[in-house]
Each structure stands twice: as structure tokens, then as C-alpha cells.
């Protein structure tokens, strides 16, 4: 049984859940290899929460955690990702694979090209979570789960310089976490993130910004319930710096979707202003039918149209056969692999 060293930098819900999923794999009766996991986070409260959900070997220093590891998972707050590439690049060992879970891939690919040594390979990874957690709206360390990625997907965006075996490693790693890997174009990925992640965040922030500035807020805030809490939770889970950077780096895509949302709001406003019961019922029925179809497909993972390119799990006696038989083994044996993707 071979040992693979993994650093997880950032212990929000995603990073902590990666650690828990690897712990689950290590404890499984069918484990063919052992993941030696060390995690790090600069935030004391996050480290405490990570310990409470069952993580050990937690460092304060990102440098100590990243130094000499086979795999480095970047799961940092978005405002810290660029500086991590710049300051940590010297700590990565030759042949290391950086798996970047940042919500935007085009900026990360630029930073990786600028700062990573040629012998360090970066693959972007974006998890599409287990449908079990689709409606929980919880994005903090205390709600990390080992099955967070089960029955979900993993969107992979390799850098153009990543060797083929590093990409296979990312695919196998995704499968170990419980996700089905898919390849997606970075620009397409970021546009999709603007629609499904950033637009809901912006809507929640804008709604709270409006409500908190209106006359009567002092009384209204006493009456808030889960509907308001779910809508505005991004302000609880995400630091303003991270919201700022994701929105600005992806502003062109976000603006397109925001313009479409404004048109939709104008449509509903017009219907309400005209007290048009029939039009309102029609719009609600159309939305409800489409919503039900989406929820069913999301839970079953059966889609009428599959635009993403699925990467099936590797063949062999274990999901990690190709990983250990390829990139890491060759590196550990001192052999070079110059194959490009």
C-alpha cells in the first residue's frame, strides 16, 4: 500500500469535506492506498471548527502544510488565492499537482502560469455537490461532510501545461471523493458560475442592502425568518473581500446574467402592477414546472442533454491504480514524464 501526501489549504466546507472524504477512504476496507493528509487555515475559529468535525494535523502555516506534498488542494477564501500562487510556489515539490477549487478558473489559470514552476502541474476542480445537500444553504466548516461530493460531479479545467498523468490524477482523485469527473472549458465554467453562484449571492446581498436602508428596518429586522436568512446567508458565509473579487473578476459574465434578471424582475413587476392574475398564474406555473424538472434531474443526475464531457473512472483493481501506476510512481522513482495533455 503506497502513501500519498496531501495538503489541504483552506478549511471551509469544501476543504474540510475533502479531508473527511479522504479519511473515509483511508478507513474503508477496500482502500488500496493511504492518503496522509495535513491541513492548514489561517483563521483560528475555522481551525477549531475543523477539529470539532474530526480533522487532525491542522497547521497554522500554509507554507509548512504545502511543503513537499504530492498533492496540494487549494480551498482558500477567494481573496487569498492569487497571493497563494505567488507566495507558495517555492514550497511545491517537483512533480506536485495543485488542485484548485477556486470558484473562477480563468484567473487561476493565469496565476498558475505566472507563478508555478514548470514541473508543478495545476488542474482546476469545482465540485457539484451531493444533491442531498442541495437545499441546506450551509457553507461553513461546521457543516463539512465526508459524503458532500457523493453522487455529484467534479468540473475539471486543466492548465494547458499540465501533463496527462496529472490530469488523470485529478480525475482519479475526484472519484475517490465520490464525484463523477467532467471536463469543461474555463470560460464556459466561469459563465456558469456567474449564473448559478454569483447571481444568487448578488441578489441576496442586494436584498439585504435594500432592506437595511429602508425606513422601518429597525422593526422589520425583528420579524425576520428563514426565508430572509436563506436569501441573505452569503453575507454570513462569505467574506466581503471574496464576494468583491469573484464578482469583479467575472463581471462581464455576471453583468449579462444580471441584465437578464433585471428584465425578469421588470416582467413580474409589470404583472403585479397590473394586478394580472392570469399572467401571474401562468408565469408561476411555467416556473414551477421547469423547477420540478430541474430538481428531479439534479437528484437523479439524468440529463436530456449532456454538454459536459464525462471522464469515466479509471480501469483497474482500484480507483487509484492509474494514479499510483502513472504520475506519482514515475516521479517517486525519479523518472520524468513529459507527456502533455
Protein backbone atom coordinates (compact mmCIF):
# COMPACT_ATOMS: atom_id res chain seq x y z
CA UNK A 1 0.00 0.00 0.00
CA UNK A 2 1.53 3.28 -1.12
CA UNK A 3 1.21 6.55 0.78
CA UNK A 4 0.18 9.77 -0.98
CA UNK A 5 0.80 13.02 0.89
CA UNK A 6 -1.93 15.65 0.54
CA UNK A 7 -2.01 19.23 1.76
CA UNK A 8 -5.39 20.91 2.05
CA UNK A 9 -5.03 24.68 2.25
CA UNK A 10 -8.23 26.25 3.50
CA UNK A 11 -10.77 24.53 5.74
CA UNK A 12 -14.08 25.98 4.75
CA UNK A 13 -16.80 23.48 3.97
CA UNK A 14 -15.15 22.33 0.74
CA UNK A 15 -11.62 21.90 2.09
CA UNK A 16 -12.75 20.24 5.31
CA UNK A 17 -15.06 17.91 3.39
CA UNK A 18 -12.18 16.86 1.11
CA UNK A 19 -10.21 15.94 4.23
CA UNK A 20 -13.15 13.98 5.66
CA UNK A 21 -13.71 12.15 2.36
CA UNK A 22 -10.06 11.10 2.27
CA UNK A 23 -10.29 9.99 5.90
CA UNK A 24 -13.32 7.90 4.95
CA UNK A 25 -11.37 6.33 2.09
CA UNK A 26 -8.42 5.50 4.35
CA UNK A 27 -10.73 3.75 6.78
CA UNK A 28 -12.53 1.78 4.07
CA UNK A 29 -11.89 -1.94 3.80
CA UNK A 30 -11.17 -1.64 0.07
CA UNK A 31 -8.55 1.12 0.37
CA UNK A 32 -5.60 0.33 -1.86
CA UNK A 33 -3.51 3.34 -0.82
CA UNK A 34 -3.18 5.65 2.13
CA UNK A 35 -3.65 9.41 1.99
CA UNK A 36 -1.51 11.24 4.51
CA UNK A 37 -3.45 14.47 4.96
CA UNK A 38 -2.24 17.68 6.54
CA UNK A 39 -4.48 20.73 6.50
CA UNK A 40 -3.93 24.41 7.21
CA UNK A 41 -6.00 27.52 7.69
CA UNK A 42 -5.00 30.98 8.86
CA UNK A 43 -8.29 31.51 10.74
CA UNK A 44 -8.26 30.31 14.35
CA UNK A 45 -12.04 29.86 14.53
CA UNK A 46 -12.05 27.78 11.36
CA UNK A 47 -9.27 25.55 12.73
CA UNK A 48 -11.33 25.00 15.88
CA UNK A 49 -14.41 24.06 13.84
CA UNK A 50 -12.30 21.71 11.70
CA UNK A 51 -11.11 19.90 14.81
CA UNK A 52 -14.70 19.56 16.01
CA UNK A 53 -15.76 17.79 12.79
CA UNK A 54 -12.91 15.27 13.20
CA UNK A 55 -9.84 16.65 11.42
CA UNK A 56 -6.34 16.20 12.81
CA UNK A 57 -2.92 17.52 11.76
CA UNK A 58 -4.05 21.09 11.29
CA UNK A 59 -1.34 23.69 10.78
CA UNK A 60 -1.45 27.45 11.12
CA UNK A 61 1.17 27.86 8.40
CA UNK A 62 0.20 27.33 4.78
CA UNK A 63 3.91 27.07 3.96
CA UNK A 64 4.52 24.17 6.36
CA UNK A 65 1.46 22.30 5.11
CA UNK A 66 2.28 22.72 1.40
CA UNK A 67 5.98 21.97 1.59
CA UNK A 68 6.97 18.77 -0.20
CA UNK A 69 3.46 17.31 -0.68
CA UNK A 70 2.42 15.17 -3.62
CA UNK A 71 -0.98 16.84 -3.97
CA UNK A 72 -1.94 20.34 -2.82
CA UNK A 73 -5.65 21.18 -2.66
CA UNK A 74 -6.26 24.94 -2.76
CA UNK A 75 -9.56 25.66 -0.98
CA UNK A 76 -8.75 29.12 0.31
CA UNK A 77 -11.02 32.16 0.55
CA UNK A 78 -11.06 33.61 -2.93
CA UNK A 79 -9.34 36.87 -1.98
CA UNK A 80 -6.29 34.81 -0.87
CA UNK A 81 -5.90 32.61 -3.96
CA UNK A 82 -3.71 34.90 -6.08
CA UNK A 83 -1.29 35.57 -3.22
CA UNK A 84 -1.14 31.83 -2.51
CA UNK A 85 0.13 31.15 -6.03
CA UNK A 86 2.69 33.93 -5.67
CA UNK A 87 4.00 33.08 -2.20
CA UNK A 88 3.66 29.28 -2.02
CA UNK A 89 5.05 28.32 -5.43
CA UNK A 90 8.52 27.81 -3.98
CA UNK A 91 7.22 25.28 -1.46
CA UNK A 92 5.81 22.85 -4.04
CA UNK A 93 7.97 19.86 -4.82
CA UNK A 94 8.82 18.99 -8.42
CA UNK A 95 6.03 16.85 -9.81
CA UNK A 96 3.42 18.12 -7.35
CA UNK A 97 -0.15 18.54 -8.57
CA UNK A 98 -2.12 21.58 -7.43
CA UNK A 99 -5.90 21.04 -7.38
CA UNK A 100 -7.52 24.47 -7.31
CA UNK A 101 -11.13 24.60 -6.08
CA UNK A 102 -11.49 28.37 -6.52
CA UNK A 103 -14.90 29.39 -7.91
CA UNK A 104 -13.35 31.02 -11.01
CA UNK A 105 -10.92 29.18 -13.29
CA UNK A 106 -9.71 31.72 -15.83
CA UNK A 107 -7.89 33.90 -13.25
CA UNK A 108 -6.41 30.82 -11.54
CA UNK A 109 -5.04 29.52 -14.84
CA UNK A 110 -3.32 32.89 -15.38
CA UNK A 111 -1.84 32.90 -11.87
CA UNK A 112 -0.65 29.32 -12.21
CA UNK A 113 1.12 30.16 -15.48
CA UNK A 114 2.74 33.21 -13.93
CA UNK A 115 3.94 31.69 -10.66
CA UNK A 116 4.17 27.89 -10.73
CA UNK A 117 7.43 26.21 -11.76
CA UNK A 118 7.18 24.21 -14.97
CA UNK A 119 7.44 20.92 -13.06
CA UNK A 120 4.38 21.72 -10.91
CA UNK A 121 1.02 20.99 -12.55
CA UNK A 122 -2.30 22.71 -11.86
CA UNK A 123 -5.80 21.36 -12.50
CA UNK A 124 -8.87 23.39 -11.63
CA UNK A 125 -11.60 21.49 -9.75
CA UNK A 126 -15.12 22.69 -8.99
CA UNK A 127 -17.38 20.37 -7.02
CA UNK A 128 -21.06 19.97 -7.84
CA UNK A 129 -22.34 18.78 -4.50
CA UNK A 130 -24.32 15.75 -3.43
CA UNK A 131 -28.00 16.53 -4.18
CA UNK A 132 -28.68 15.55 -0.57
CA UNK A 133 -27.30 18.98 0.37
CA UNK A 134 -28.90 20.97 -2.44
CA UNK A 135 -31.22 22.93 -0.18
CA UNK A 136 -29.32 23.16 3.09
CA UNK A 137 -27.73 26.55 2.27
CA UNK A 138 -24.90 25.88 4.73
CA UNK A 139 -21.40 26.74 3.60
CA UNK A 140 -19.27 26.75 6.74
CA UNK A 141 -16.72 24.39 8.27
CA UNK A 142 -19.12 23.13 10.93
CA UNK A 143 -21.22 21.56 8.16
CA UNK A 144 -18.40 19.74 6.36
CA UNK A 145 -19.38 16.17 5.48
CA UNK A 146 -17.46 13.13 4.13
CA UNK A 147 -20.26 12.49 1.62
CA UNK A 148 -20.52 16.11 0.40
CA UNK A 149 -19.27 15.09 -3.07
CA UNK A 150 -21.05 11.73 -3.36
CA UNK A 151 -23.42 11.42 -6.33
CA UNK A 152 -22.18 14.81 -7.51
CA UNK A 153 -19.81 15.97 -10.20
CA UNK A 154 -16.36 17.47 -10.38
CA UNK A 155 -15.69 20.02 -13.12
CA UNK A 156 -12.07 19.80 -14.24
CA UNK A 157 -10.21 22.61 -16.03
CA UNK A 158 -6.55 21.61 -16.50
CA UNK A 159 -3.89 24.15 -17.34
CA UNK A 160 -2.53 23.82 -20.87
CA UNK A 161 0.87 22.81 -19.47
CA UNK A 162 -0.41 20.06 -17.16
CA UNK A 163 0.92 16.64 -18.09
CA UNK A 164 -1.59 13.97 -18.98
CA UNK A 165 -0.90 11.93 -15.87
CA UNK A 166 -1.57 14.95 -13.66
CA UNK A 167 -4.98 15.31 -15.30
CA UNK A 168 -5.62 11.59 -14.76
CA UNK A 169 -4.62 12.08 -11.14
CA UNK A 170 -7.21 14.84 -10.75
CA UNK A 171 -9.82 12.59 -12.32
CA UNK A 172 -8.99 9.66 -10.04
CA UNK A 173 -8.88 11.96 -7.02
CA UNK A 174 -12.37 13.23 -7.87
CA UNK A 175 -13.65 9.66 -8.00
CA UNK A 176 -12.10 8.91 -4.61
CA UNK A 177 -14.05 11.85 -3.18
CA UNK A 178 -17.26 10.32 -4.58
CA UNK A 179 -17.75 12.64 -7.57
CA UNK A 180 -18.00 11.96 -11.29
CA UNK A 181 -15.36 14.00 -13.16
CA UNK A 182 -16.24 16.13 -16.18
CA UNK A 183 -14.08 18.39 -18.34
CA UNK A 184 -15.28 21.90 -19.07
CA UNK A 185 -13.85 24.93 -20.87
CA UNK A 186 -12.65 27.58 -18.36
CA UNK A 187 -14.63 30.43 -19.97
CA UNK A 188 -17.79 28.32 -20.05
CA UNK A 189 -17.15 27.31 -16.44
CA UNK A 190 -16.90 30.91 -15.23
CA UNK A 191 -20.04 31.94 -17.12
CA UNK A 192 -21.93 29.09 -15.47
CA UNK A 193 -20.59 30.13 -12.06
CA UNK A 194 -21.83 33.69 -12.67
CA UNK A 195 -25.34 32.34 -13.24
CA UNK A 196 -25.55 29.66 -10.55
CA UNK A 197 -23.30 31.03 -7.78
CA UNK A 198 -22.57 34.73 -8.13
CA UNK A 199 -26.00 35.91 -9.26
CA UNK A 200 -27.75 34.33 -6.23
CA UNK A 201 -25.07 35.87 -3.98
CA UNK A 202 -25.55 39.28 -5.53
CA UNK A 203 -29.33 39.01 -5.25
CA UNK A 204 -29.10 38.17 -1.55
CA UNK A 205 -26.64 40.98 -0.82
CA UNK A 206 -28.69 43.48 -2.81
CA UNK A 207 -31.88 42.45 -1.00
CA UNK A 208 -30.25 42.92 2.40
CA UNK A 209 -28.64 46.20 1.32
CA UNK A 210 -32.07 47.49 0.25
CA UNK A 211 -33.91 46.21 3.33
CA UNK A 212 -31.36 47.52 5.84
CA UNK A 213 -31.55 51.01 4.35
CA UNK A 214 -35.34 51.35 4.28
CA UNK A 215 -37.44 53.15 6.83
CA UNK A 216 -38.85 50.61 9.19
CA UNK A 217 -35.82 48.28 9.18
CA UNK A 218 -35.47 48.61 12.96
CA UNK A 219 -38.88 46.97 13.30
CA UNK A 220 -38.63 44.65 10.27
CA UNK A 221 -35.40 43.01 11.40
CA UNK A 222 -37.21 41.67 14.47
CA UNK A 223 -39.58 39.75 12.21
CA UNK A 224 -37.00 38.02 10.00
CA UNK A 225 -37.44 34.28 9.44
CA UNK A 226 -35.65 31.52 7.46
CA UNK A 227 -36.77 32.85 4.07
CA UNK A 228 -34.84 36.06 4.68
CA UNK A 229 -31.96 34.19 6.29
CA UNK A 230 -31.57 31.79 3.36
CA UNK A 231 -31.66 34.62 0.85
CA UNK A 232 -29.03 36.71 2.62
CA UNK A 233 -26.78 33.96 4.01
CA UNK A 234 -23.88 34.73 1.60
CA UNK A 235 -23.11 37.69 3.87
CA UNK A 236 -22.74 35.22 6.74
CA UNK A 237 -20.70 32.55 4.96
CA UNK A 238 -18.50 34.64 2.67
CA UNK A 239 -16.16 37.50 3.50
CA UNK A 240 -16.92 40.74 1.61
CA UNK A 241 -13.43 40.61 0.06
CA UNK A 242 -14.21 37.24 -1.51
CA UNK A 243 -17.54 38.43 -2.88
CA UNK A 244 -15.86 41.55 -4.25
CA UNK A 245 -13.12 39.65 -6.05
CA UNK A 246 -15.32 36.94 -7.58
CA UNK A 247 -17.82 39.50 -8.85
CA UNK A 248 -15.19 41.83 -10.30
CA UNK A 249 -13.01 39.14 -11.90
CA UNK A 250 -16.12 37.66 -13.53
CA UNK A 251 -18.00 40.92 -14.07
CA UNK A 252 -18.66 40.52 -17.82
CA UNK A 253 -20.46 37.21 -17.37
CA UNK A 254 -22.16 38.41 -14.21
CA UNK A 255 -23.41 41.57 -15.93
CA UNK A 256 -25.02 39.54 -18.73
CA UNK A 257 -26.92 37.41 -16.26
CA UNK A 258 -27.76 40.42 -14.10
CA UNK A 259 -29.28 42.22 -17.10
CA UNK A 260 -31.44 39.16 -17.82
CA UNK A 261 -32.53 39.04 -14.17
CA UNK A 262 -33.47 42.73 -14.22
CA UNK A 263 -35.66 42.07 -17.27
CA UNK A 264 -37.32 39.18 -15.44
CA UNK A 265 -37.94 41.37 -12.38
CA UNK A 266 -39.45 44.04 -14.61
CA UNK A 267 -41.76 41.41 -16.09
CA UNK A 268 -43.01 40.33 -12.66
CA UNK A 269 -43.27 43.93 -11.51
CA UNK A 270 -45.44 44.73 -14.52
CA UNK A 271 -47.70 41.75 -13.84
CA UNK A 272 -48.15 42.78 -10.20
CA UNK A 273 -48.67 46.44 -11.05
CA UNK A 274 -51.45 45.49 -13.47
CA UNK A 275 -52.95 43.05 -10.98
CA UNK A 276 -52.93 40.50 -13.79
CA UNK A 277 -53.94 37.26 -12.06
CA UNK A 278 -53.90 35.17 -15.23
CA UNK A 279 -50.39 36.30 -16.25
CA UNK A 280 -49.06 35.72 -12.74
CA UNK A 281 -50.54 32.22 -12.59
CA UNK A 282 -49.07 31.43 -16.00
CA UNK A 283 -45.59 32.63 -15.04
CA UNK A 284 -45.68 30.78 -11.73
CA UNK A 285 -46.91 27.57 -13.35
CA UNK A 286 -44.21 27.75 -16.04
CA UNK A 287 -41.51 28.36 -13.42
CA UNK A 288 -42.85 25.61 -11.17
CA UNK A 289 -42.85 23.01 -13.95
CA UNK A 290 -39.30 23.90 -15.01
CA UNK A 291 -38.18 23.88 -11.38
CA UNK A 292 -39.64 20.45 -10.72
CA UNK A 293 -37.93 19.07 -13.81
CA UNK A 294 -34.60 20.54 -12.71
CA UNK A 295 -34.86 19.15 -9.17
CA UNK A 296 -35.69 15.67 -10.48
CA UNK A 297 -32.79 15.70 -12.93
CA UNK A 298 -30.41 17.10 -10.34
CA UNK A 299 -31.23 14.30 -7.89
CA UNK A 300 -31.15 11.53 -10.50
CA UNK A 301 -28.21 13.00 -12.47
CA UNK A 302 -30.08 12.11 -15.66
CA UNK A 303 -29.96 14.92 -18.18
CA UNK A 304 -31.67 15.12 -21.53
CA UNK A 305 -28.69 16.99 -22.99
CA UNK A 306 -25.15 16.31 -21.73
CA UNK A 307 -22.91 19.21 -22.84
CA UNK A 308 -20.15 18.30 -20.42
CA UNK A 309 -17.56 15.70 -21.32
CA UNK A 310 -17.68 12.98 -18.73
CA UNK A 311 -14.44 11.30 -17.70
CA UNK A 312 -15.18 7.72 -16.58
CA UNK A 313 -13.32 6.28 -13.59
CA UNK A 314 -10.00 4.65 -14.31
CA UNK A 315 -9.97 0.92 -15.01
CA UNK A 316 -8.14 -1.43 -12.70
CA UNK A 317 -8.45 -3.16 -9.34
CA UNK A 318 -8.86 0.17 -7.54
CA UNK A 319 -9.78 3.71 -8.48
CA UNK A 320 -6.22 4.81 -7.71
CA UNK A 321 -4.46 2.24 -9.89
CA UNK A 322 -3.73 4.66 -12.70
CA UNK A 323 -2.70 7.38 -10.28
CA UNK A 324 -0.13 5.27 -8.48
CA UNK A 325 0.86 3.40 -11.62
CA UNK A 326 1.48 6.61 -13.53
CA UNK A 327 2.38 10.11 -12.47
CA UNK A 328 3.28 9.70 -8.79
CA UNK A 329 5.06 6.39 -9.19
CA UNK A 330 7.20 7.72 -12.02
CA UNK A 331 8.06 10.80 -10.01
CA UNK A 332 8.83 8.82 -6.84
CA UNK A 333 11.08 6.57 -8.89
CA UNK A 334 12.90 9.60 -10.25
CA UNK A 335 11.59 9.26 -13.80
CA UNK A 336 10.33 12.19 -15.84
CA UNK A 337 7.03 12.30 -17.68
CA UNK A 338 6.86 14.94 -20.35
CA UNK A 339 3.55 13.97 -21.94
CA UNK A 340 1.31 16.95 -22.39
CA UNK A 341 -2.45 16.95 -22.27
